[in-house]
């Protein structure tokens, strides 16, 4: 049965955040898809529900099972997809994913986004208003619910300098049956750009293990 590898970027990134990591994986003959999440929603539908539906449609278009690897927002989407379609997910790597949505930090992030020039958002592939709307729609997500439905092998990662999410990653590890936890050295929250070489080594090793 064919397995597709998918790398899912975080909130302040687009698919190019995985470029260096994908290059490292390709050196080991490991191919991975890296979609742009913002292309999955229409401008007037920039909320989490619409994004999750778009991500679901994207994943369901592939035959066979999936190895999902998501950073932050990407990890939240992967987690929700695995809860809904446990038989389709072969393995999952969650990077810097919170156990509970940090509403205070989300409020700060929204305030920061409001101060940023519109050009910064255009480079990501989403409008300023739409990204702020997306952040706002995620404030009441219950990430810890439904974890018992996950059946695949799960690896939880956190950058050594990502103090905010280290505790949350350990809490998720305790809740997800059979999961494991690992710190990524030389990285903060955006592990895929902070230390792509080491992250690629971890991802490649994990994917090879789950295929054995």
Foldseek 3Di string as FASTA:
>chain_A
DDEAEEEEEALLAFQCLQVVLQVLLVVVVDHHHGHGLLVQADQVGLAPVSSLVSVLVVLVVDPAAYEYEYAAVSLLSVLVSCLVCQVRHAEYEYELYAQAQPLVVLVVVLVVLVPDDQVSVVVSPHGSVSSSNHSVNCNPDRSNPSLASHDHEYEYEYEPAAPVRPVRSVVSQVSRPNYYYDYDYQDYRSCCNRPSNSVSVVVSVVVVVSVD
